[in-house]
Amino acid sequence: MAGSQSSSPNSNSTWSLKENKMFEEALAYYGEGTPNLWDKVSSAMGGIKSAEEVRCHYEDLVDDVKMIESGRVTYPKYKTQGFWTRG
């Protein structure tokens, strides 16, 4: 898995797995409601993403979660064996 491409019309930013992890850790550290959150997360990421890119990435993730929770995203049908399957 290489990374993720932002689907926001305001951002063409590609995020690597490492950048996503840094984003998640910084967001968890500061938490929602922190003043200047996007600037702080950007800074915690070493400035490799701007505050605007961080904000857009967060909004894309929130939109994705809303789509999943509303049932508008179908679950993949994995072919697996073992503990999680019966028979």
PDB file of N, CA and C in Angstrom:
ATOM      1  N   MET A   1       0.838  -1.168   0.000  1.00  0.00           N
ATOM      2  CA  MET A   1       0.000   0.000   0.000  1.00  0.00           C
ATOM      3  C   MET A   1       0.889   1.238   0.000  1.00  0.00           C
ATOM      4  N   ALA A   2       0.773   2.065  -1.000  1.00  0.00           N
ATOM      5  CA  ALA A   2       1.695   3.172  -1.187  1.00  0.00           C
ATOM      6  C   ALA A   2       1.329   4.419  -0.402  1.00  0.00           C
ATOM      7  N   GLY A   3       0.079   4.756  -0.300  1.00  0.00           N
ATOM      8  CA  GLY A   3      -0.330   5.982   0.364  1.00  0.00           C
ATOM      9  C   GLY A   3      -1.737   6.335  -0.060  1.00  0.00           C
ATOM     10  N   SER A   4      -2.116   7.586   0.141  1.00  0.00           N
ATOM     11  CA  SER A   4      -3.458   7.988  -0.229  1.00  0.00           C
ATOM     12  C   SER A   4      -3.432   9.305  -0.974  1.00  0.00           C
ATOM     13  N   GLN A   5      -4.384   9.449  -1.864  1.00  0.00           N
ATOM     14  CA  GLN A   5      -4.543  10.679  -2.631  1.00  0.00           C
ATOM     15  C   GLN A   5      -5.765  11.387  -2.085  1.00  0.00           C
ATOM     16  N   SER A   6      -5.613  12.636  -1.740  1.00  0.00           N
ATOM     17  CA  SER A   6      -6.729  13.419  -1.242  1.00  0.00           C
ATOM     18  C   SER A   6      -7.765  13.576  -2.335  1.00  0.00           C
ATOM     19  N   SER A   7      -9.045  13.400  -1.984  1.00  0.00           N
ATOM     20  CA  SER A   7     -10.101  13.554  -2.968  1.00  0.00           C
ATOM     21  C   SER A   7     -10.718  14.937  -2.943  1.00  0.00           C
ATOM     22  N   SER A   8     -10.226  15.792  -2.078  1.00  0.00           N
ATOM     23  CA  SER A   8     -10.751  17.144  -1.958  1.00  0.00           C
ATOM     24  C   SER A   8     -10.445  17.943  -3.214  1.00  0.00           C
ATOM     25  N   PRO A   9     -11.435  18.708  -3.702  1.00  0.00           N
ATOM     26  CA  PRO A   9     -11.164  19.543  -4.863  1.00  0.00           C
ATOM     27  C   PRO A   9     -10.131  20.626  -4.560  1.00  0.00           C
ATOM     28  N   ASN A  10      -9.887  20.898  -3.282  1.00  0.00           N
ATOM     29  CA  ASN A  10      -8.934  21.924  -2.878  1.00  0.00           C
ATOM     30  C   ASN A  10      -7.522  21.397  -2.709  1.00  0.00           C
ATOM     31  N   SER A  11      -7.341  20.086  -2.871  1.00  0.00           N
ATOM     32  CA  SER A  11      -6.028  19.520  -2.590  1.00  0.00           C
ATOM     33  C   SER A  11      -5.696  18.409  -3.570  1.00  0.00           C
ATOM     34  N   ASN A  12      -4.500  18.453  -4.116  1.00  0.00           N
ATOM     35  CA  ASN A  12      -3.994  17.375  -4.959  1.00  0.00           C
ATOM     36  C   ASN A  12      -2.848  16.676  -4.255  1.00  0.00           C
ATOM     37  N   SER A  13      -2.837  16.761  -2.963  1.00  0.00           N
ATOM     38  CA  SER A  13      -1.734  16.268  -2.160  1.00  0.00           C
ATOM     39  C   SER A  13      -1.786  14.753  -2.022  1.00  0.00           C
ATOM     40  N   THR A  14      -0.656  14.105  -2.247  1.00  0.00           N
ATOM     41  CA  THR A  14      -0.529  12.676  -2.008  1.00  0.00           C
ATOM     42  C   THR A  14       0.131  12.478  -0.650  1.00  0.00           C
ATOM     43  N   TRP A  15      -0.396  11.547   0.120  1.00  0.00           N
ATOM     44  CA  TRP A  15       0.103  11.278   1.472  1.00  0.00           C
ATOM     45  C   TRP A  15       0.678   9.875   1.523  1.00  0.00           C
ATOM     46  N   SER A  16       1.908   9.752   1.987  1.00  0.00           N
ATOM     47  CA  SER A  16       2.536   8.441   2.162  1.00  0.00           C
ATOM     48  C   SER A  16       2.006   7.804   3.449  1.00  0.00           C
ATOM     49  N   LEU A  17       2.295   6.528   3.620  1.00  0.00           N
ATOM     50  CA  LEU A  17       1.905   5.853   4.860  1.00  0.00           C
ATOM     51  C   LEU A  17       2.542   6.526   6.070  1.00  0.00           C
ATOM     52  N   LYS A  18       3.816   6.918   5.924  1.00  0.00           N
ATOM     53  CA  LYS A  18       4.516   7.586   7.013  1.00  0.00           C
ATOM     54  C   LYS A  18       3.860   8.928   7.353  1.00  0.00           C
ATOM     55  N   GLU A  19       3.504   9.692   6.328  1.00  0.00           N
ATOM     56  CA  GLU A  19       2.835  10.974   6.558  1.00  0.00           C
ATOM     57  C   GLU A  19       1.475  10.787   7.222  1.00  0.00           C
ATOM     58  N   ASN A  20       0.726   9.772   6.775  1.00  0.00           N
ATOM     59  CA  ASN A  20      -0.568   9.481   7.408  1.00  0.00           C
ATOM     60  C   ASN A  20      -0.394   9.155   8.885  1.00  0.00           C
ATOM     61  N   LYS A  21       0.617   8.366   9.195  1.00  0.00           N
ATOM     62  CA  LYS A  21       0.879   7.992  10.588  1.00  0.00           C
ATOM     63  C   LYS A  21       1.262   9.216  11.413  1.00  0.00           C
ATOM     64  N   MET A  22       2.106  10.069  10.865  1.00  0.00           N
ATOM     65  CA  MET A  22       2.492  11.294  11.563  1.00  0.00           C
ATOM     66  C   MET A  22       1.267  12.177  11.805  1.00  0.00           C
ATOM     67  N   PHE A  23       0.413  12.284  10.806  1.00  0.00           N
ATOM     68  CA  PHE A  23      -0.821  13.053  10.909  1.00  0.00           C
ATOM     69  C   PHE A  23      -1.704  12.505  12.029  1.00  0.00           C
ATOM     70  N   GLU A  24      -1.916  11.197  12.022  1.00  0.00           N
ATOM     71  CA  GLU A  24      -2.763  10.560  13.039  1.00  0.00           C
ATOM     72  C   GLU A  24      -2.212  10.774  14.446  1.00  0.00           C
ATOM     73  N   GLU A  25      -0.909  10.607  14.599  1.00  0.00           N
ATOM     74  CA  GLU A  25      -0.300  10.769  15.919  1.00  0.00           C
ATOM     75  C   GLU A  25      -0.392  12.210  16.410  1.00  0.00           C
ATOM     76  N   ALA A  26      -0.152  13.160  15.517  1.00  0.00           N
ATOM     77  CA  ALA A  26      -0.242  14.569  15.907  1.00  0.00           C
ATOM     78  C   ALA A  26      -1.678  14.954  16.237  1.00  0.00           C
ATOM     79  N   LEU A  27      -2.618  14.463  15.452  1.00  0.00           N
ATOM     80  CA  LEU A  27      -4.026  14.756  15.717  1.00  0.00           C
ATOM     81  C   LEU A  27      -4.462  14.160  17.046  1.00  0.00           C
ATOM     82  N   ALA A  28      -4.028  12.947  17.335  1.00  0.00           N
ATOM     83  CA  ALA A  28      -4.355  12.316  18.618  1.00  0.00           C
ATOM     84  C   ALA A  28      -3.714  13.076  19.775  1.00  0.00           C
ATOM     85  N   TYR A  29      -2.511  13.568  19.575  1.00  0.00           N
ATOM     86  CA  TYR A  29      -1.805  14.302  20.628  1.00  0.00           C
ATOM     87  C   TYR A  29      -2.513  15.621  20.947  1.00  0.00           C
ATOM     88  N   TYR A  30      -2.825  16.387  19.925  1.00  0.00           N
ATOM     89  CA  TYR A  30      -3.428  17.701  20.150  1.00  0.00           C
ATOM     90  C   TYR A  30      -4.933  17.629  20.396  1.00  0.00           C
ATOM     91  N   GLY A  31      -5.632  16.767  19.684  1.00  0.00           N
ATOM     92  CA  GLY A  31      -7.069  16.625  19.850  1.00  0.00           C
ATOM     93  C   GLY A  31      -7.861  17.722  19.174  1.00  0.00           C
ATOM     94  N   GLU A  32      -9.093  17.382  18.860  1.00  0.00           N
ATOM     95  CA  GLU A  32      -9.986  18.355  18.236  1.00  0.00           C
ATOM     96  C   GLU A  32     -10.275  19.481  19.222  1.00  0.00           C
ATOM     97  N   GLY A  33     -10.472  20.665  18.701  1.00  0.00           N
ATOM     98  CA  GLY A  33     -10.769  21.799  19.551  1.00  0.00           C
ATOM     99  C   GLY A  33      -9.552  22.579  20.002  1.00  0.00           C
ATOM    100  N   THR A  34      -8.372  22.089  19.682  1.00  0.00           N
ATOM    101  CA  THR A  34      -7.139  22.794  20.035  1.00  0.00           C
ATOM    102  C   THR A  34      -7.016  24.037  19.165  1.00  0.00           C
ATOM    103  N   PRO A  35      -6.743  25.198  19.759  1.00  0.00           N
ATOM    104  CA  PRO A  35      -6.532  26.397  18.937  1.00  0.00           C
ATOM    105  C   PRO A  35      -5.381  26.186  17.958  1.00  0.00           C
ATOM    106  N   ASN A  36      -5.566  26.679  16.733  1.00  0.00           N
ATOM    107  CA  ASN A  36      -4.544  26.562  15.678  1.00  0.00           C
ATOM    108  C   ASN A  36      -4.146  25.111  15.424  1.00  0.00           C
ATOM    109  N   LEU A  37      -5.120  24.218  15.490  1.00  0.00           N
ATOM    110  CA  LEU A  37      -4.856  22.777  15.361  1.00  0.00           C
ATOM    111  C   LEU A  37      -4.094  22.442  14.091  1.00  0.00           C
ATOM    112  N   TRP A  38      -4.516  22.971  12.954  1.00  0.00           N
ATOM    113  CA  TRP A  38      -3.901  22.575  11.686  1.00  0.00           C
ATOM    114  C   TRP A  38      -2.455  23.058  11.609  1.00  0.00           C
ATOM    115  N   ASP A  39      -2.185  24.232  12.159  1.00  0.00           N
ATOM    116  CA  ASP A  39      -0.797  24.710  12.211  1.00  0.00           C
ATOM    117  C   ASP A  39       0.056  23.817  13.102  1.00  0.00           C
ATOM    118  N   LYS A  40      -0.499  23.394  14.224  1.00  0.00           N
ATOM    119  CA  LYS A  40       0.245  22.550  15.157  1.00  0.00           C
ATOM    120  C   LYS A  40       0.507  21.172  14.570  1.00  0.00           C
ATOM    121  N   VAL A  41      -0.499  20.597  13.907  1.00  0.00           N
ATOM    122  CA  VAL A  41      -0.306  19.285  13.287  1.00  0.00           C
ATOM    123  C   VAL A  41       0.732  19.392  12.170  1.00  0.00           C
ATOM    124  N   SER A  42       0.631  20.431  11.354  1.00  0.00           N
ATOM    125  CA  SER A  42       1.612  20.641  10.289  1.00  0.00           C
ATOM    126  C   SER A  42       3.019  20.754  10.861  1.00  0.00           C
ATOM    127  N   SER A  43       3.163  21.513  11.931  1.00  0.00           N
ATOM    128  CA  SER A  43       4.465  21.690  12.569  1.00  0.00           C
ATOM    129  C   SER A  43       4.979  20.372  13.142  1.00  0.00           C
ATOM    130  N   ALA A  44       4.090  19.605  13.763  1.00  0.00           N
ATOM    131  CA  ALA A  44       4.475  18.313  14.340  1.00  0.00           C
ATOM    132  C   ALA A  44       4.934  17.335  13.251  1.00  0.00           C
ATOM    133  N   MET A  45       4.444  17.553  12.030  1.00  0.00           N
ATOM    134  CA  MET A  45       4.842  16.722  10.903  1.00  0.00           C
ATOM    135  C   MET A  45       6.115  17.253  10.249  1.00  0.00           C
ATOM    136  N   GLY A  46       6.745  18.229  10.864  1.00  0.00           N
ATOM    137  CA  GLY A  46       7.976  18.785  10.333  1.00  0.00           C
ATOM    138  C   GLY A  46       7.753  19.747   9.182  1.00  0.00           C
ATOM    139  N   GLY A  47       6.506  20.192   9.004  1.00  0.00           N
ATOM    140  CA  GLY A  47       6.203  21.135   7.934  1.00  0.00           C
ATOM    141  C   GLY A  47       6.161  20.528   6.547  1.00  0.00           C
ATOM    142  N   ILE A  48       6.145  19.184   6.458  1.00  0.00           N
ATOM    143  CA  ILE A  48       6.115  18.552   5.139  1.00  0.00           C
ATOM    144  C   ILE A  48       4.761  18.708   4.457  1.00  0.00           C
ATOM    145  N   LYS A  49       3.741  19.016   5.241  1.00  0.00           N
ATOM    146  CA  LYS A  49       2.410  19.341   4.727  1.00  0.00           C
ATOM    147  C   LYS A  49       2.002  20.671   5.336  1.00  0.00           C
ATOM    148  N   SER A  50       1.371  21.508   4.532  1.00  0.00           N
ATOM    149  CA  SER A  50       0.918  22.807   5.030  1.00  0.00           C
ATOM    150  C   SER A  50      -0.301  22.626   5.931  1.00  0.00           C
ATOM    151  N   ALA A  51      -0.610  23.643   6.697  1.00  0.00           N
ATOM    152  CA  ALA A  51      -1.800  23.615   7.550  1.00  0.00           C
ATOM    153  C   ALA A  51      -3.047  23.397   6.697  1.00  0.00           C
ATOM    154  N   GLU A  52      -3.091  23.992   5.512  1.00  0.00           N
ATOM    155  CA  GLU A  52      -4.241  23.822   4.614  1.00  0.00           C
ATOM    156  C   GLU A  52      -4.337  22.383   4.113  1.00  0.00           C
ATOM    157  N   GLU A  53      -3.202  21.773   3.769  1.00  0.00           N
ATOM    158  CA  GLU A  53      -3.212  20.369   3.338  1.00  0.00           C
ATOM    159  C   GLU A  53      -3.685  19.458   4.474  1.00  0.00           C
ATOM    160  N   VAL A  54      -3.245  19.750   5.687  1.00  0.00           N
ATOM    161  CA  VAL A  54      -3.642  18.967   6.865  1.00  0.00           C
ATOM    162  C   VAL A  54      -5.146  19.093   7.083  1.00  0.00           C
ATOM    163  N   ARG A  55      -5.660  20.313   6.997  1.00  0.00           N
ATOM    164  CA  ARG A  55      -7.099  20.539   7.193  1.00  0.00           C
ATOM    165  C   ARG A  55      -7.911  19.796   6.129  1.00  0.00           C
ATOM    166  N   CYS A  56      -7.502  19.901   4.874  1.00  0.00           N
ATOM    167  CA  CYS A  56      -8.214  19.215   3.788  1.00  0.00           C
ATOM    168  C   CYS A  56      -8.180  17.697   3.966  1.00  0.00           C
ATOM    169  N   HIS A  57      -7.037  17.174   4.391  1.00  0.00           N
ATOM    170  CA  HIS A  57      -6.894  15.739   4.612  1.00  0.00           C
ATOM    171  C   HIS A  57      -7.849  15.275   5.712  1.00  0.00           C
ATOM    172  N   TYR A  58      -7.927  16.042   6.778  1.00  0.00           N
ATOM    173  CA  TYR A  58      -8.843  15.728   7.878  1.00  0.00           C
ATOM    174  C   TYR A  58     -10.292  15.739   7.382  1.00  0.00           C
ATOM    175  N   GLU A  59     -10.665  16.762   6.630  1.00  0.00           N
ATOM    176  CA  GLU A  59     -12.040  16.858   6.137  1.00  0.00           C
ATOM    177  C   GLU A  59     -12.371  15.702   5.198  1.00  0.00           C
ATOM    178  N   ASP A  60     -11.407  15.274   4.377  1.00  0.00           N
ATOM    179  CA  ASP A  60     -11.616  14.114   3.510  1.00  0.00           C
ATOM    180  C   ASP A  60     -11.875  12.859   4.336  1.00  0.00           C
ATOM    181  N   LEU A  61     -11.115  12.686   5.408  1.00  0.00           N
ATOM    182  CA  LEU A  61     -11.303  11.514   6.266  1.00  0.00           C
ATOM    183  C   LEU A  61     -12.655  11.546   6.960  1.00  0.00           C
ATOM    184  N   VAL A  62     -13.072  12.707   7.416  1.00  0.00           N
ATOM    185  CA  VAL A  62     -14.388  12.848   8.049  1.00  0.00           C
ATOM    186  C   VAL A  62     -15.483  12.493   7.040  1.00  0.00           C
ATOM    187  N   ASP A  63     -15.357  12.980   5.806  1.00  0.00           N
ATOM    188  CA  ASP A  63     -16.330  12.652   4.761  1.00  0.00           C
ATOM    189  C   ASP A  63     -16.361  11.154   4.488  1.00  0.00           C
ATOM    190  N   ASP A  64     -15.196  10.516   4.451  1.00  0.00           N
ATOM    191  CA  ASP A  64     -15.127   9.068   4.231  1.00  0.00           C
ATOM    192  C   ASP A  64     -15.858   8.310   5.336  1.00  0.00           C
ATOM    193  N   VAL A  65     -15.633   8.706   6.578  1.00  0.00           N
ATOM    194  CA  VAL A  65     -16.290   8.047   7.710  1.00  0.00           C
ATOM    195  C   VAL A  65     -17.808   8.214   7.620  1.00  0.00           C
ATOM    196  N   LYS A  66     -18.261   9.400   7.268  1.00  0.00           N
ATOM    197  CA  LYS A  66     -19.704   9.641   7.132  1.00  0.00           C
ATOM    198  C   LYS A  66     -20.313   8.750   6.061  1.00  0.00           C
ATOM    199  N   MET A  67     -19.607   8.586   4.936  1.00  0.00           N
ATOM    200  CA  MET A  67     -20.106   7.716   3.868  1.00  0.00           C
ATOM    201  C   MET A  67     -20.166   6.264   4.322  1.00  0.00           C
ATOM    202  N   ILE A  68     -19.159   5.817   5.030  1.00  0.00           N
ATOM    203  CA  ILE A  68     -19.132   4.444   5.527  1.00  0.00           C
ATOM    204  C   ILE A  68     -20.272   4.222   6.524  1.00  0.00           C
ATOM    205  N   GLU A  69     -20.413   5.143   7.465  1.00  0.00           N
ATOM    206  CA  GLU A  69     -21.446   5.004   8.493  1.00  0.00           C
ATOM    207  C   GLU A  69     -22.856   5.094   7.923  1.00  0.00           C
ATOM    208  N   SER A  70     -23.033   5.799   6.814  1.00  0.00           N
ATOM    209  CA  SER A  70     -24.360   5.933   6.209  1.00  0.00           C
ATOM    210  C   SER A  70     -24.702   4.741   5.320  1.00  0.00           C
ATOM    211  N   GLY A  71     -23.746   3.837   5.123  1.00  0.00           N
ATOM    212  CA  GLY A  71     -23.990   2.652   4.312  1.00  0.00           C
ATOM    213  C   GLY A  71     -23.807   2.884   2.823  1.00  0.00           C
ATOM    214  N   ARG A  72     -23.261   4.019   2.438  1.00  0.00           N
ATOM    215  CA  ARG A  72     -23.071   4.318   1.015  1.00  0.00           C
ATOM    216  C   ARG A  72     -21.804   3.703   0.445  1.00  0.00           C
ATOM    217  N   VAL A  73     -21.013   3.051   1.288  1.00  0.00           N
ATOM    218  CA  VAL A  73     -19.799   2.377   0.837  1.00  0.00           C
ATOM    219  C   VAL A  73     -19.996   0.890   1.077  1.00  0.00           C
ATOM    220  N   THR A  74     -19.873   0.112   0.024  1.00  0.00           N
ATOM    221  CA  THR A  74     -20.048  -1.333   0.184  1.00  0.00           C
ATOM    222  C   THR A  74     -18.760  -1.944   0.710  1.00  0.00           C
ATOM    223  N   TYR A  75     -18.922  -2.955   1.507  1.00  0.00           N
ATOM    224  CA  TYR A  75     -17.771  -3.660   2.056  1.00  0.00           C
ATOM    225  C   TYR A  75     -17.235  -4.630   1.020  1.00  0.00           C
ATOM    226  N   PRO A  76     -15.934  -4.753   0.923  1.00  0.00           N
ATOM    227  CA  PRO A  76     -15.364  -5.713  -0.018  1.00  0.00           C
ATOM    228  C   PRO A  76     -15.659  -7.132   0.431  1.00  0.00           C
ATOM    229  N   LYS A  77     -15.751  -8.029  -0.520  1.00  0.00           N
ATOM    230  CA  LYS A  77     -15.989  -9.437  -0.201  1.00  0.00           C
ATOM    231  C   LYS A  77     -14.664 -10.165  -0.306  1.00  0.00           C
ATOM    232  N   TYR A  78     -14.025 -10.298   0.836  1.00  0.00           N
ATOM    233  CA  TYR A  78     -12.721 -10.953   0.882  1.00  0.00           C
ATOM    234  C   TYR A  78     -12.890 -12.457   0.869  1.00  0.00           C
ATOM    235  N   LYS A  79     -11.999 -13.120   0.210  1.00  0.00           N
ATOM    236  CA  LYS A  79     -11.951 -14.580   0.232  1.00  0.00           C
ATOM    237  C   LYS A  79     -10.881 -14.958   1.233  1.00  0.00           C
ATOM    238  N   THR A  80     -11.300 -15.336   2.425  1.00  0.00           N
ATOM    239  CA  THR A  80     -10.337 -15.653   3.472  1.00  0.00           C
ATOM    240  C   THR A  80     -10.614 -17.040   4.013  1.00  0.00           C
ATOM    241  N   GLN A  81      -9.645 -17.554   4.693  1.00  0.00           N
ATOM    242  CA  GLN A  81      -9.768 -18.824   5.383  1.00  0.00           C
ATOM    243  C   GLN A  81      -9.231 -18.647   6.778  1.00  0.00           C
ATOM    244  N   GLY A  82      -9.699 -19.471   7.665  1.00  0.00           N
ATOM    245  CA  GLY A  82      -9.152 -19.431   9.016  1.00  0.00           C
ATOM    246  C   GLY A  82     -10.163 -18.990  10.035  1.00  0.00           C
ATOM    247  N   PHE A  83      -9.651 -18.318  11.050  1.00  0.00           N
ATOM    248  CA  PHE A  83     -10.442 -17.970  12.227  1.00  0.00           C
ATOM    249  C   PHE A  83     -11.724 -17.234  11.895  1.00  0.00           C
ATOM    250  N   TRP A  84     -11.688 -16.302  10.969  1.00  0.00           N
ATOM    251  CA  TRP A  84     -12.840 -15.431  10.719  1.00  0.00           C
ATOM    252  C   TRP A  84     -13.876 -16.043   9.814  1.00  0.00           C
ATOM    253  N   THR A  85     -13.629 -17.182   9.240  1.00  0.00           N
ATOM    254  CA  THR A  85     -14.613 -17.814   8.344  1.00  0.00           C
ATOM    255  C   THR A  85     -15.137 -19.099   8.968  1.00  0.00           C
ATOM    256  N   ARG A  86     -16.315 -19.444   8.576  1.00  0.00           N
ATOM    257  CA  ARG A  86     -16.917 -20.690   9.052  1.00  0.00           C
ATOM    258  C   ARG A  86     -16.911 -21.688   7.906  1.00  0.00           C
ATOM    259  N   GLY A  87     -16.656 -22.942   8.265  1.00  0.00           N
ATOM    260  CA  GLY A  87     -16.757 -24.001   7.283  1.00  0.00           C
ATOM    261  C   GLY A  87     -15.571 -24.347   6.532  1.00  0.00           C
TER     262      GLY A  87
END
